[in-house]
Amino acid sequence: MAITLYGAHISPFVRKVRAALAYKGLPYDIVFVAPKMGEQPAEFKANSPLGKIPLLRDGDLYIPDSSVICAWLDRQYPNKPLLPSDNVDAVRALWFEEYAGSVMTTAMGGHLFAEVVLAKLLFNRESLQSDIDKAINEEIPAIFDYLESQIAGDYLLASGFSLADIAVGSISVAMLHSDYHCDAARWPKTATYLKRLFEGEVFAPLIADEKALLASFGG
């Protein structure tokens, strides 16, 4: 059955689901929905109780929340699993998903991308420099310190590419759109890791789509 994704491309949580779908090779349609902005489809309002994006429709089933959606995709479409078979690696992948969706999203999404890109582009206001400074000088360096200690080879887990990389990569793209980059001299493993993700077959097409979209809005 056809898969439909409701959401906005530049949302890190929509991006996470798009990356999971791409990794699994699952075709889908996307319906633009921005929370609290513009007219929303009736089926989105009826099936997203929190009013948040993304929402996924798979056949007759509607699934809200990016983490729940990824869990569904892994159970329903087990080819190319998002979670490793090893229990320890699987729980570590879930931890990185939580870390990306909380700590990293606050810093890279809320304090950096929202202020550098979205403030003038969508919110029609000046950027809060204090938020940008906090992200650049405090929050993101602490995140890079942590990632530098965790990267195992090419990816976060020694077993290879997983949900951990999809989650971390998805929010890190917001940093890329903000024209902020990891200092390779200070965090060599993290800089190489992020470059590998951004240029890889999962994220590169998504990043190109988003750059074109932002350019069309003047970003």
N, C-alpha and C. Protein backbone atom coordinates (compact mmCIF):
# COMPACT_ATOMS: atom_id res chain seq x y z
N MET A 1 0.83 -1.20 0.00
CA MET A 1 0.00 0.00 0.00
C MET A 1 0.87 1.25 0.00
N ALA A 2 0.30 2.35 -0.50
CA ALA A 2 1.06 3.59 -0.62
C ALA A 2 1.33 4.20 0.75
N ILE A 3 2.50 4.81 0.88
CA ILE A 3 2.89 5.51 2.10
C ILE A 3 2.84 7.01 1.83
N THR A 4 2.24 7.74 2.75
CA THR A 4 2.18 9.20 2.67
C THR A 4 2.75 9.80 3.95
N LEU A 5 3.60 10.78 3.78
CA LEU A 5 4.22 11.47 4.92
C LEU A 5 3.71 12.90 4.96
N TYR A 6 3.21 13.31 6.10
CA TYR A 6 2.72 14.66 6.30
C TYR A 6 3.74 15.45 7.12
N GLY A 7 4.19 16.58 6.59
CA GLY A 7 5.15 17.38 7.33
C GLY A 7 5.87 18.36 6.44
N ALA A 8 6.82 19.08 7.03
CA ALA A 8 7.63 20.07 6.33
C ALA A 8 9.06 19.56 6.20
N HIS A 9 9.64 19.70 5.04
CA HIS A 9 10.96 19.13 4.75
C HIS A 9 12.01 19.54 5.76
N ILE A 10 11.98 20.80 6.22
CA ILE A 10 13.07 21.30 7.06
C ILE A 10 12.92 20.92 8.53
N SER A 11 11.85 20.24 8.88
CA SER A 11 11.73 19.72 10.25
C SER A 11 12.72 18.58 10.44
N PRO A 12 13.51 18.59 11.53
CA PRO A 12 14.44 17.47 11.73
C PRO A 12 13.74 16.14 11.95
N PHE A 13 12.52 16.18 12.46
CA PHE A 13 11.79 14.94 12.71
C PHE A 13 11.17 14.38 11.43
N VAL A 14 10.75 15.27 10.55
CA VAL A 14 10.31 14.84 9.22
C VAL A 14 11.51 14.30 8.44
N ARG A 15 12.63 15.01 8.56
CA ARG A 15 13.86 14.58 7.89
C ARG A 15 14.28 13.18 8.37
N LYS A 16 14.11 12.92 9.64
CA LYS A 16 14.48 11.60 10.18
C LYS A 16 13.66 10.50 9.52
N VAL A 17 12.36 10.73 9.37
CA VAL A 17 11.51 9.73 8.74
C VAL A 17 11.85 9.59 7.26
N ARG A 18 12.09 10.71 6.59
CA ARG A 18 12.48 10.65 5.17
C ARG A 18 13.78 9.86 5.00
N ALA A 19 14.72 10.06 5.93
CA ALA A 19 15.99 9.33 5.86
C ALA A 19 15.76 7.84 6.08
N ALA A 20 14.89 7.49 7.02
CA ALA A 20 14.59 6.08 7.26
C ALA A 20 13.92 5.44 6.05
N LEU A 21 13.00 6.15 5.44
CA LEU A 21 12.34 5.65 4.23
C LEU A 21 13.35 5.48 3.09
N ALA A 22 14.24 6.45 2.96
CA ALA A 22 15.25 6.37 1.90
C ALA A 22 16.19 5.19 2.14
N TYR A 23 16.61 5.02 3.38
CA TYR A 23 17.51 3.92 3.71
C TYR A 23 16.88 2.57 3.39
N LYS A 24 15.60 2.45 3.67
CA LYS A 24 14.89 1.20 3.42
C LYS A 24 14.41 1.07 1.97
N GLY A 25 14.57 2.12 1.20
CA GLY A 25 14.16 2.08 -0.20
C GLY A 25 12.66 2.04 -0.38
N LEU A 26 11.93 2.70 0.52
CA LEU A 26 10.47 2.70 0.47
C LEU A 26 9.96 3.97 -0.22
N PRO A 27 9.21 3.82 -1.31
CA PRO A 27 8.65 5.01 -1.97
C PRO A 27 7.52 5.61 -1.14
N TYR A 28 7.34 6.93 -1.27
CA TYR A 28 6.30 7.60 -0.50
C TYR A 28 5.95 8.92 -1.16
N ASP A 29 4.79 9.44 -0.83
CA ASP A 29 4.38 10.78 -1.20
C ASP A 29 4.49 11.66 0.04
N ILE A 30 4.75 12.94 -0.17
CA ILE A 30 4.83 13.87 0.96
C ILE A 30 3.80 14.98 0.77
N VAL A 31 3.05 15.24 1.82
CA VAL A 31 2.05 16.31 1.83
C VAL A 31 2.56 17.38 2.79
N PHE A 32 2.72 18.61 2.28
CA PHE A 32 3.26 19.67 3.12
C PHE A 32 2.29 20.05 4.23
N VAL A 33 2.77 19.99 5.45
CA VAL A 33 2.02 20.44 6.62
C VAL A 33 3.01 21.13 7.55
N ALA A 34 2.68 22.33 7.96
CA ALA A 34 3.48 23.04 8.95
C ALA A 34 2.63 23.26 10.19
N PRO A 35 3.11 22.83 11.35
CA PRO A 35 2.30 23.00 12.56
C PRO A 35 2.05 24.47 12.87
N LYS A 36 0.80 24.78 13.19
CA LYS A 36 0.38 26.13 13.59
C LYS A 36 0.53 27.15 12.46
N MET A 37 0.67 26.67 11.22
CA MET A 37 0.80 27.60 10.10
C MET A 37 -0.03 27.10 8.93
N GLY A 38 -0.88 27.97 8.38
CA GLY A 38 -1.62 27.64 7.17
C GLY A 38 -2.71 26.61 7.40
N GLU A 39 -3.39 26.30 6.33
CA GLU A 39 -4.47 25.31 6.37
C GLU A 39 -3.87 23.91 6.43
N GLN A 40 -4.43 23.07 7.26
CA GLN A 40 -3.94 21.70 7.40
C GLN A 40 -4.99 20.72 6.90
N PRO A 41 -4.55 19.64 6.24
CA PRO A 41 -5.51 18.65 5.76
C PRO A 41 -6.33 18.06 6.90
N ALA A 42 -7.58 17.75 6.60
CA ALA A 42 -8.47 17.21 7.63
C ALA A 42 -7.94 15.92 8.21
N GLU A 43 -7.31 15.08 7.37
CA GLU A 43 -6.82 13.79 7.86
C GLU A 43 -5.64 13.98 8.81
N PHE A 44 -4.88 15.07 8.62
CA PHE A 44 -3.80 15.35 9.56
C PHE A 44 -4.38 15.76 10.91
N LYS A 45 -5.33 16.68 10.91
CA LYS A 45 -5.95 17.14 12.15
C LYS A 45 -6.59 15.98 12.91
N ALA A 46 -7.18 15.06 12.17
CA ALA A 46 -7.91 13.96 12.80
C ALA A 46 -6.99 12.89 13.37
N ASN A 47 -5.76 12.81 12.87
CA ASN A 47 -4.90 11.68 13.23
C ASN A 47 -3.58 12.06 13.88
N SER A 48 -3.37 13.35 14.13
CA SER A 48 -2.19 13.79 14.85
C SER A 48 -2.66 14.47 16.14
N PRO A 49 -2.90 13.70 17.19
CA PRO A 49 -3.51 14.25 18.40
C PRO A 49 -2.74 15.41 19.01
N LEU A 50 -1.41 15.43 18.86
CA LEU A 50 -0.60 16.51 19.42
C LEU A 50 -0.45 17.68 18.45
N GLY A 51 -0.93 17.49 17.23
CA GLY A 51 -0.81 18.54 16.23
C GLY A 51 0.60 18.75 15.73
N LYS A 52 1.46 17.74 15.91
CA LYS A 52 2.86 17.86 15.54
C LYS A 52 3.17 17.04 14.28
N ILE A 53 4.23 17.45 13.60
CA ILE A 53 4.72 16.70 12.45
C ILE A 53 5.95 15.92 12.87
N PRO A 54 6.16 14.76 12.21
CA PRO A 54 5.44 14.19 11.08
C PRO A 54 4.27 13.30 11.49
N LEU A 55 3.45 13.03 10.50
CA LEU A 55 2.42 12.00 10.57
C LEU A 55 2.61 11.12 9.35
N LEU A 56 2.55 9.81 9.54
CA LEU A 56 2.71 8.88 8.42
C LEU A 56 1.42 8.11 8.22
N ARG A 57 1.02 7.97 6.97
CA ARG A 57 -0.09 7.08 6.62
C ARG A 57 0.47 5.90 5.83
N ASP A 58 0.21 4.73 6.31
CA ASP A 58 0.62 3.50 5.62
C ASP A 58 -0.65 2.69 5.40
N GLY A 59 -1.16 2.73 4.19
CA GLY A 59 -2.45 2.11 3.93
C GLY A 59 -3.55 2.87 4.66
N ASP A 60 -4.26 2.17 5.54
CA ASP A 60 -5.32 2.80 6.33
C ASP A 60 -4.85 3.20 7.72
N LEU A 61 -3.58 2.97 8.02
CA LEU A 61 -3.05 3.24 9.36
C LEU A 61 -2.34 4.59 9.39
N TYR A 62 -2.72 5.41 10.37
CA TYR A 62 -2.05 6.69 10.59
C TYR A 62 -1.17 6.58 11.83
N ILE A 63 0.08 7.06 11.71
CA ILE A 63 1.05 6.94 12.80
C ILE A 63 1.70 8.29 13.05
N PRO A 64 1.50 8.90 14.23
CA PRO A 64 2.20 10.14 14.56
C PRO A 64 3.52 9.86 15.26
N ASP A 65 4.37 10.89 15.28
CA ASP A 65 5.64 10.88 16.02
C ASP A 65 6.74 10.12 15.27
N SER A 66 7.86 10.81 15.05
CA SER A 66 8.94 10.23 14.24
C SER A 66 9.51 8.95 14.83
N SER A 67 9.65 8.88 16.16
CA SER A 67 10.21 7.67 16.77
C SER A 67 9.26 6.48 16.61
N VAL A 68 7.97 6.74 16.78
CA VAL A 68 6.98 5.67 16.61
C VAL A 68 6.94 5.24 15.14
N ILE A 69 7.02 6.22 14.25
CA ILE A 69 7.02 5.89 12.82
C ILE A 69 8.21 5.01 12.45
N CYS A 70 9.40 5.37 12.95
CA CYS A 70 10.59 4.57 12.64
C CYS A 70 10.46 3.16 13.21
N ALA A 71 9.88 3.04 14.40
CA ALA A 71 9.66 1.70 14.97
C ALA A 71 8.71 0.91 14.10
N TRP A 72 7.67 1.55 13.60
CA TRP A 72 6.72 0.88 12.70
C TRP A 72 7.42 0.42 11.42
N LEU A 73 8.18 1.30 10.82
CA LEU A 73 8.85 0.96 9.57
C LEU A 73 9.78 -0.23 9.75
N ASP A 74 10.44 -0.29 10.91
CA ASP A 74 11.37 -1.40 11.14
C ASP A 74 10.64 -2.73 11.34
N ARG A 75 9.47 -2.69 11.94
CA ARG A 75 8.71 -3.93 12.16
C ARG A 75 7.96 -4.35 10.89
N GLN A 76 7.41 -3.38 10.19
CA GLN A 76 6.60 -3.69 9.02
C GLN A 76 7.46 -4.00 7.79
N TYR A 77 8.62 -3.37 7.72
CA TYR A 77 9.52 -3.52 6.57
C TYR A 77 10.91 -3.89 7.09
N PRO A 78 11.11 -5.14 7.49
CA PRO A 78 12.34 -5.53 8.19
C PRO A 78 13.60 -5.54 7.33
N ASN A 79 13.45 -5.45 6.02
CA ASN A 79 14.64 -5.39 5.18
C ASN A 79 15.44 -4.13 5.50
N LYS A 80 16.75 -4.27 5.62
CA LYS A 80 17.65 -3.18 6.01
C LYS A 80 17.19 -2.58 7.34
N PRO A 81 17.31 -3.32 8.41
CA PRO A 81 16.82 -2.86 9.72
C PRO A 81 17.52 -1.59 10.20
N LEU A 82 16.75 -0.77 10.90
CA LEU A 82 17.29 0.45 11.50
C LEU A 82 18.01 0.15 12.81
N LEU A 83 17.55 -0.89 13.50
CA LEU A 83 18.16 -1.27 14.77
C LEU A 83 19.02 -2.52 14.57
N PRO A 84 20.23 -2.53 15.11
CA PRO A 84 21.09 -3.71 15.00
C PRO A 84 20.48 -4.92 15.71
N SER A 85 20.92 -6.09 15.33
CA SER A 85 20.42 -7.32 15.96
C SER A 85 20.98 -7.50 17.37
N ASP A 86 22.15 -6.97 17.62
CA ASP A 86 22.75 -7.05 18.96
C ASP A 86 21.97 -6.15 19.92
N ASN A 87 21.58 -6.69 21.06
CA ASN A 87 20.74 -5.95 21.99
C ASN A 87 21.42 -4.69 22.54
N VAL A 88 22.71 -4.79 22.83
CA VAL A 88 23.43 -3.63 23.36
C VAL A 88 23.49 -2.53 22.30
N ASP A 89 23.83 -2.89 21.08
CA ASP A 89 23.87 -1.89 20.01
C ASP A 89 22.48 -1.31 19.74
N ALA A 90 21.46 -2.13 19.83
CA ALA A 90 20.09 -1.66 19.59
C ALA A 90 19.69 -0.62 20.63
N VAL A 91 19.99 -0.88 21.87
CA VAL A 91 19.60 0.07 22.91
C VAL A 91 20.46 1.33 22.83
N ARG A 92 21.69 1.22 22.39
CA ARG A 92 22.53 2.41 22.19
C ARG A 92 21.98 3.26 21.04
N ALA A 93 21.49 2.61 20.00
CA ALA A 93 20.89 3.35 18.88
C ALA A 93 19.67 4.12 19.36
N LEU A 94 18.85 3.48 20.21
CA LEU A 94 17.68 4.16 20.75
C LEU A 94 18.08 5.33 21.64
N TRP A 95 19.17 5.16 22.37
CA TRP A 95 19.65 6.27 23.20
C TRP A 95 20.06 7.46 22.34
N PHE A 96 20.80 7.21 21.25
CA PHE A 96 21.22 8.30 20.39
C PHE A 96 20.02 8.98 19.74
N GLU A 97 18.98 8.21 19.45
CA GLU A 97 17.76 8.81 18.91
C GLU A 97 17.17 9.79 19.93
N GLU A 98 17.14 9.39 21.19
CA GLU A 98 16.63 10.27 22.25
C GLU A 98 17.53 11.49 22.42
N TYR A 99 18.83 11.29 22.42
CA TYR A 99 19.78 12.40 22.57
C TYR A 99 19.63 13.40 21.43
N ALA A 100 19.50 12.89 20.22
CA ALA A 100 19.34 13.77 19.06
C ALA A 100 18.04 14.55 19.14
N GLY A 101 16.97 13.88 19.58
CA GLY A 101 15.67 14.51 19.61
C GLY A 101 15.48 15.48 20.76
N SER A 102 16.39 15.49 21.72
CA SER A 102 16.26 16.37 22.87
C SER A 102 17.40 17.39 22.90
N VAL A 103 18.55 16.99 23.36
CA VAL A 103 19.68 17.90 23.53
C VAL A 103 20.12 18.52 22.20
N MET A 104 20.29 17.71 21.19
CA MET A 104 20.77 18.22 19.91
C MET A 104 19.73 19.10 19.23
N THR A 105 18.46 18.72 19.33
CA THR A 105 17.41 19.51 18.68
C THR A 105 17.27 20.88 19.34
N THR A 106 17.39 20.95 20.65
CA THR A 106 17.33 22.24 21.34
C THR A 106 18.44 23.16 20.86
N ALA A 107 19.66 22.64 20.78
CA ALA A 107 20.81 23.46 20.42
C ALA A 107 20.84 23.78 18.92
N MET A 108 20.83 22.77 18.09
CA MET A 108 21.01 22.96 16.65
C MET A 108 19.74 23.43 15.96
N GLY A 109 18.59 23.00 16.47
CA GLY A 109 17.33 23.39 15.87
C GLY A 109 16.76 24.66 16.48
N GLY A 110 16.54 24.62 17.79
CA GLY A 110 15.88 25.73 18.45
C GLY A 110 16.73 26.97 18.62
N HIS A 111 18.00 26.80 18.97
CA HIS A 111 18.85 27.95 19.24
C HIS A 111 19.69 28.41 18.05
N LEU A 112 19.97 27.52 17.12
CA LEU A 112 20.81 27.90 15.97
C LEU A 112 19.96 28.10 14.71
N PHE A 113 19.39 27.04 14.17
CA PHE A 113 18.67 27.10 12.90
C PHE A 113 17.46 28.04 12.99
N ALA A 114 16.71 27.95 14.07
CA ALA A 114 15.52 28.80 14.20
C ALA A 114 15.89 30.28 14.19
N GLU A 115 17.05 30.60 14.77
CA GLU A 115 17.45 32.00 14.86
C GLU A 115 18.24 32.47 13.64
N VAL A 116 19.11 31.62 13.13
CA VAL A 116 19.93 32.01 11.97
C VAL A 116 19.09 32.04 10.69
N VAL A 117 18.21 31.06 10.52
CA VAL A 117 17.48 30.90 9.25
C VAL A 117 16.01 31.30 9.36
N LEU A 118 15.30 30.73 10.33
CA LEU A 118 13.85 30.87 10.34
C LEU A 118 13.34 32.20 10.88
N ALA A 119 14.12 32.86 11.75
CA ALA A 119 13.64 34.10 12.38
C ALA A 119 13.17 35.12 11.34
N LYS A 120 14.03 35.41 10.39
CA LYS A 120 13.68 36.39 9.35
C LYS A 120 12.88 35.76 8.22
N LEU A 121 13.19 34.50 7.91
CA LEU A 121 12.58 33.85 6.76
C LEU A 121 11.09 33.57 6.98
N LEU A 122 10.73 33.07 8.16
CA LEU A 122 9.35 32.68 8.43
C LEU A 122 8.70 33.44 9.58
N PHE A 123 9.49 33.81 10.60
CA PHE A 123 8.90 34.41 11.79
C PHE A 123 8.81 35.93 11.71
N ASN A 124 9.44 36.51 10.69
CA ASN A 124 9.38 37.96 10.46
C ASN A 124 9.86 38.76 11.67
N ARG A 125 11.00 38.35 12.20
CA ARG A 125 11.58 39.06 13.34
C ARG A 125 13.10 38.98 13.27
N GLU A 126 13.75 39.75 14.09
CA GLU A 126 15.20 39.69 14.17
C GLU A 126 15.64 38.45 14.95
N SER A 127 16.82 37.98 14.64
CA SER A 127 17.36 36.80 15.33
C SER A 127 17.72 37.14 16.76
N LEU A 128 17.61 36.16 17.64
CA LEU A 128 18.05 36.32 19.02
C LEU A 128 19.52 35.90 19.10
N GLN A 129 20.39 36.88 19.11
CA GLN A 129 21.82 36.59 19.09
C GLN A 129 22.25 35.82 20.33
N SER A 130 21.56 36.04 21.44
CA SER A 130 21.92 35.32 22.66
C SER A 130 21.72 33.82 22.51
N ASP A 131 20.66 33.43 21.78
CA ASP A 131 20.44 32.00 21.54
C ASP A 131 21.51 31.43 20.62
N ILE A 132 21.86 32.18 19.59
CA ILE A 132 22.90 31.73 18.66
C ILE A 132 24.23 31.57 19.38
N ASP A 133 24.57 32.55 20.20
CA ASP A 133 25.83 32.50 20.94
C ASP A 133 25.86 31.32 21.90
N LYS A 134 24.74 31.06 22.56
CA LYS A 134 24.68 29.93 23.48
C LYS A 134 24.90 28.62 22.74
N ALA A 135 24.27 28.49 21.57
CA ALA A 135 24.43 27.26 20.78
C ALA A 135 25.88 27.08 20.34
N ILE A 136 26.47 28.13 19.80
CA ILE A 136 27.81 28.04 19.21
C ILE A 136 28.90 27.92 20.28
N ASN A 137 28.74 28.64 21.37
CA ASN A 137 29.81 28.70 22.37
C ASN A 137 29.69 27.67 23.48
N GLU A 138 28.50 27.17 23.73
CA GLU A 138 28.30 26.25 24.85
C GLU A 138 27.71 24.90 24.42
N GLU A 139 26.52 24.95 23.84
CA GLU A 139 25.77 23.71 23.62
C GLU A 139 26.38 22.80 22.56
N ILE A 140 26.66 23.34 21.40
CA ILE A 140 27.17 22.49 20.31
C ILE A 140 28.58 21.97 20.61
N PRO A 141 29.47 22.76 21.16
CA PRO A 141 30.77 22.18 21.55
C PRO A 141 30.63 21.01 22.52
N ALA A 142 29.70 21.10 23.46
CA ALA A 142 29.49 19.99 24.39
C ALA A 142 28.97 18.76 23.66
N ILE A 143 28.10 18.98 22.67
CA ILE A 143 27.59 17.87 21.86
C ILE A 143 28.73 17.23 21.07
N PHE A 144 29.58 18.05 20.46
CA PHE A 144 30.70 17.52 19.70
C PHE A 144 31.68 16.76 20.59
N ASP A 145 31.90 17.27 21.78
CA ASP A 145 32.77 16.55 22.73
C ASP A 145 32.23 15.15 22.98
N TYR A 146 30.92 15.07 23.18
CA TYR A 146 30.30 13.77 23.45
C TYR A 146 30.37 12.85 22.23
N LEU A 147 30.01 13.36 21.07
CA LEU A 147 30.04 12.53 19.86
C LEU A 147 31.46 12.05 19.57
N GLU A 148 32.43 12.92 19.79
CA GLU A 148 33.83 12.55 19.54
C GLU A 148 34.22 11.33 20.37
N SER A 149 33.64 11.21 21.56
CA SER A 149 33.97 10.09 22.44
C SER A 149 33.19 8.82 22.10
N GLN A 150 32.17 8.96 21.24
CA GLN A 150 31.27 7.84 21.00
C GLN A 150 31.42 7.20 19.62
N ILE A 151 31.92 7.93 18.66
CA ILE A 151 32.00 7.42 17.29
C ILE A 151 32.90 6.20 17.23
N ALA A 152 32.38 5.14 16.63
CA ALA A 152 33.11 3.87 16.54
C ALA A 152 33.36 3.55 15.07
N GLY A 153 34.49 3.95 14.55
CA GLY A 153 34.78 3.70 13.15
C GLY A 153 34.08 4.73 12.27
N ASP A 154 33.35 4.25 11.28
CA ASP A 154 32.68 5.16 10.35
C ASP A 154 31.40 5.75 10.93
N TYR A 155 30.79 5.07 11.88
CA TYR A 155 29.49 5.49 12.40
C TYR A 155 29.47 5.46 13.92
N LEU A 156 28.32 5.76 14.50
CA LEU A 156 28.23 5.79 15.96
C LEU A 156 28.37 4.41 16.58
N LEU A 157 27.91 3.39 15.88
CA LEU A 157 28.00 2.02 16.36
C LEU A 157 28.99 1.25 15.51
N ALA A 158 29.75 0.40 16.14
CA ALA A 158 30.74 -0.41 15.41
C ALA A 158 30.07 -1.34 14.41
N SER A 159 28.81 -1.69 14.66
CA SER A 159 28.09 -2.60 13.76
C SER A 159 27.67 -1.94 12.45
N GLY A 160 27.81 -0.61 12.36
CA GLY A 160 27.52 0.06 11.10
C GLY A 160 26.38 1.06 11.18
N PHE A 161 25.96 1.54 10.04
CA PHE A 161 24.91 2.56 9.92
C PHE A 161 23.62 2.07 10.56
N SER A 162 22.96 2.96 11.32
CA SER A 162 21.76 2.56 12.05
C SER A 162 20.87 3.76 12.32
N LEU A 163 19.81 3.52 13.06
CA LEU A 163 18.91 4.58 13.49
C LEU A 163 19.67 5.68 14.23
N ALA A 164 20.72 5.31 14.93
CA ALA A 164 21.53 6.31 15.64
C ALA A 164 22.04 7.38 14.68
N ASP A 165 22.55 6.96 13.54
CA ASP A 165 23.11 7.89 12.57
C ASP A 165 22.02 8.67 11.85
N ILE A 166 20.90 8.02 11.61
CA ILE A 166 19.76 8.72 11.00
C ILE A 166 19.28 9.83 11.91
N ALA A 167 19.15 9.55 13.21
CA ALA A 167 18.66 10.55 14.16
C ALA A 167 19.66 11.69 14.33
N VAL A 168 20.92 11.36 14.56
CA VAL A 168 21.95 12.39 14.75
C VAL A 168 22.16 13.19 13.47
N GLY A 169 22.20 12.50 12.35
CA GLY A 169 22.38 13.19 11.08
C GLY A 169 21.22 14.13 10.76
N SER A 170 20.02 13.72 11.11
CA SER A 170 18.83 14.51 10.76
C SER A 170 18.83 15.87 11.44
N ILE A 171 19.20 15.94 12.69
CA ILE A 171 19.25 17.25 13.34
C ILE A 171 20.52 18.00 12.96
N SER A 172 21.59 17.31 12.68
CA SER A 172 22.85 17.98 12.32
C SER A 172 22.73 18.72 10.98
N VAL A 173 21.83 18.29 10.12
CA VAL A 173 21.60 19.00 8.86
C VAL A 173 21.15 20.44 9.13
N ALA A 174 20.42 20.65 10.23
CA ALA A 174 20.00 22.01 10.58
C ALA A 174 21.22 22.91 10.80
N MET A 175 22.26 22.35 11.35
CA MET A 175 23.51 23.08 11.55
C MET A 175 24.14 23.43 10.20
N LEU A 176 24.09 22.48 9.28
CA LEU A 176 24.63 22.71 7.93
C LEU A 176 23.88 23.86 7.25
N HIS A 177 22.55 23.86 7.35
CA HIS A 177 21.75 24.94 6.74
C HIS A 177 22.03 26.29 7.40
N SER A 178 22.53 26.26 8.61
CA SER A 178 22.86 27.51 9.33
C SER A 178 24.27 27.98 9.03
N ASP A 179 24.95 27.26 8.13
CA ASP A 179 26.33 27.58 7.73
C ASP A 179 27.29 27.53 8.92
N TYR A 180 27.04 26.57 9.80
CA TYR A 180 27.94 26.33 10.92
C TYR A 180 28.50 24.92 10.77
N HIS A 181 29.81 24.78 10.94
CA HIS A 181 30.45 23.50 10.65
C HIS A 181 31.33 23.06 11.82
N CYS A 182 31.47 21.78 11.92
CA CYS A 182 32.30 21.19 12.97
C CYS A 182 33.78 21.46 12.67
N ASP A 183 34.49 21.93 13.66
CA ASP A 183 35.92 22.23 13.53
C ASP A 183 36.71 20.92 13.53
N ALA A 184 37.26 20.59 12.36
CA ALA A 184 37.97 19.32 12.21
C ALA A 184 39.25 19.25 13.04
N ALA A 185 39.82 20.41 13.35
CA ALA A 185 41.04 20.41 14.17
C ALA A 185 40.73 20.04 15.62
N ARG A 186 39.56 20.45 16.08
CA ARG A 186 39.18 20.19 17.47
C ARG A 186 38.44 18.87 17.64
N TRP A 187 37.61 18.53 16.64
CA TRP A 187 36.81 17.30 16.71
C TRP A 187 36.97 16.52 15.40
N PRO A 188 38.12 15.92 15.16
CA PRO A 188 38.39 15.29 13.86
C PRO A 188 37.45 14.14 13.53
N LYS A 189 37.15 13.29 14.50
CA LYS A 189 36.26 12.15 14.22
C LYS A 189 34.84 12.63 13.92
N THR A 190 34.38 13.61 14.65
CA THR A 190 33.02 14.11 14.46
C THR A 190 32.89 14.83 13.13
N ALA A 191 33.88 15.63 12.76
CA ALA A 191 33.84 16.33 11.48
C ALA A 191 33.82 15.35 10.31
N THR A 192 34.66 14.32 10.39
CA THR A 192 34.70 13.30 9.33
C THR A 192 33.38 12.52 9.28
N TYR A 193 32.86 12.21 10.45
CA TYR A 193 31.59 11.47 10.55
C TYR A 193 30.44 12.27 9.94
N LEU A 194 30.32 13.53 10.29
CA LEU A 194 29.23 14.34 9.75
C LEU A 194 29.36 14.52 8.25
N LYS A 195 30.57 14.71 7.77
CA LYS A 195 30.80 14.84 6.33
C LYS A 195 30.36 13.56 5.62
N ARG A 196 30.68 12.41 6.22
CA ARG A 196 30.28 11.13 5.64
C ARG A 196 28.76 11.03 5.55
N LEU A 197 28.08 11.45 6.60
CA LEU A 197 26.61 11.40 6.59
C LEU A 197 26.04 12.35 5.54
N PHE A 198 26.50 13.60 5.54
CA PHE A 198 25.94 14.60 4.64
C PHE A 198 26.15 14.26 3.17
N GLU A 199 27.25 13.58 2.87
CA GLU A 199 27.56 13.26 1.47
C GLU A 199 27.11 11.85 1.08
N GLY A 200 26.54 11.11 2.03
CA GLY A 200 26.12 9.74 1.76
C GLY A 200 24.80 9.66 1.01
N GLU A 201 24.46 8.47 0.56
CA GLU A 201 23.30 8.29 -0.30
C GLU A 201 21.97 8.53 0.41
N VAL A 202 21.94 8.47 1.71
CA VAL A 202 20.70 8.71 2.44
C VAL A 202 20.42 10.21 2.56
N PHE A 203 21.43 10.97 3.01
CA PHE A 203 21.18 12.38 3.32
C PHE A 203 21.43 13.34 2.17
N ALA A 204 22.34 13.03 1.27
CA ALA A 204 22.69 14.00 0.22
C ALA A 204 21.49 14.45 -0.60
N PRO A 205 20.61 13.54 -1.05
CA PRO A 205 19.43 14.00 -1.81
C PRO A 205 18.48 14.84 -0.98
N LEU A 206 18.32 14.52 0.30
CA LEU A 206 17.44 15.30 1.16
C LEU A 206 17.99 16.71 1.35
N ILE A 207 19.29 16.80 1.57
CA ILE A 207 19.93 18.11 1.75
C ILE A 207 19.77 18.96 0.49
N ALA A 208 19.94 18.36 -0.67
CA ALA A 208 19.78 19.09 -1.93
C ALA A 208 18.35 19.61 -2.08
N ASP A 209 17.36 18.78 -1.75
CA ASP A 209 15.96 19.20 -1.80
C ASP A 209 15.72 20.40 -0.89
N GLU A 210 16.26 20.31 0.32
CA GLU A 210 16.01 21.36 1.31
C GLU A 210 16.72 22.66 0.94
N LYS A 211 17.92 22.56 0.42
CA LYS A 211 18.63 23.77 0.00
C LYS A 211 17.85 24.49 -1.11
N ALA A 212 17.30 23.71 -2.04
CA ALA A 212 16.49 24.31 -3.11
C ALA A 212 15.24 24.96 -2.54
N LEU A 213 14.61 24.30 -1.57
CA LEU A 213 13.41 24.85 -0.95
C LEU A 213 13.72 26.15 -0.21
N LEU A 214 14.77 26.15 0.59
CA LEU A 214 15.14 27.35 1.33
C LEU A 214 15.51 28.49 0.38
N ALA A 215 16.19 28.16 -0.71
CA ALA A 215 16.55 29.19 -1.69
C ALA A 215 15.31 29.81 -2.31
N SER A 216 14.28 28.99 -2.52
CA SER A 216 13.05 29.50 -3.12
C SER A 216 12.33 30.48 -2.21
N PHE A 217 12.58 30.36 -0.88
CA PHE A 217 12.00 31.29 0.08
C PHE A 217 12.93 32.46 0.37
N GLY A 218 14.10 32.43 -0.27
CA GLY A 218 15.05 33.52 -0.05
C GLY A 218 16.01 33.26 1.08
N GLY A 219 16.09 31.97 1.54
CA GLY A 219 16.97 31.65 2.65
C GLY A 219 18.36 31.30 2.21
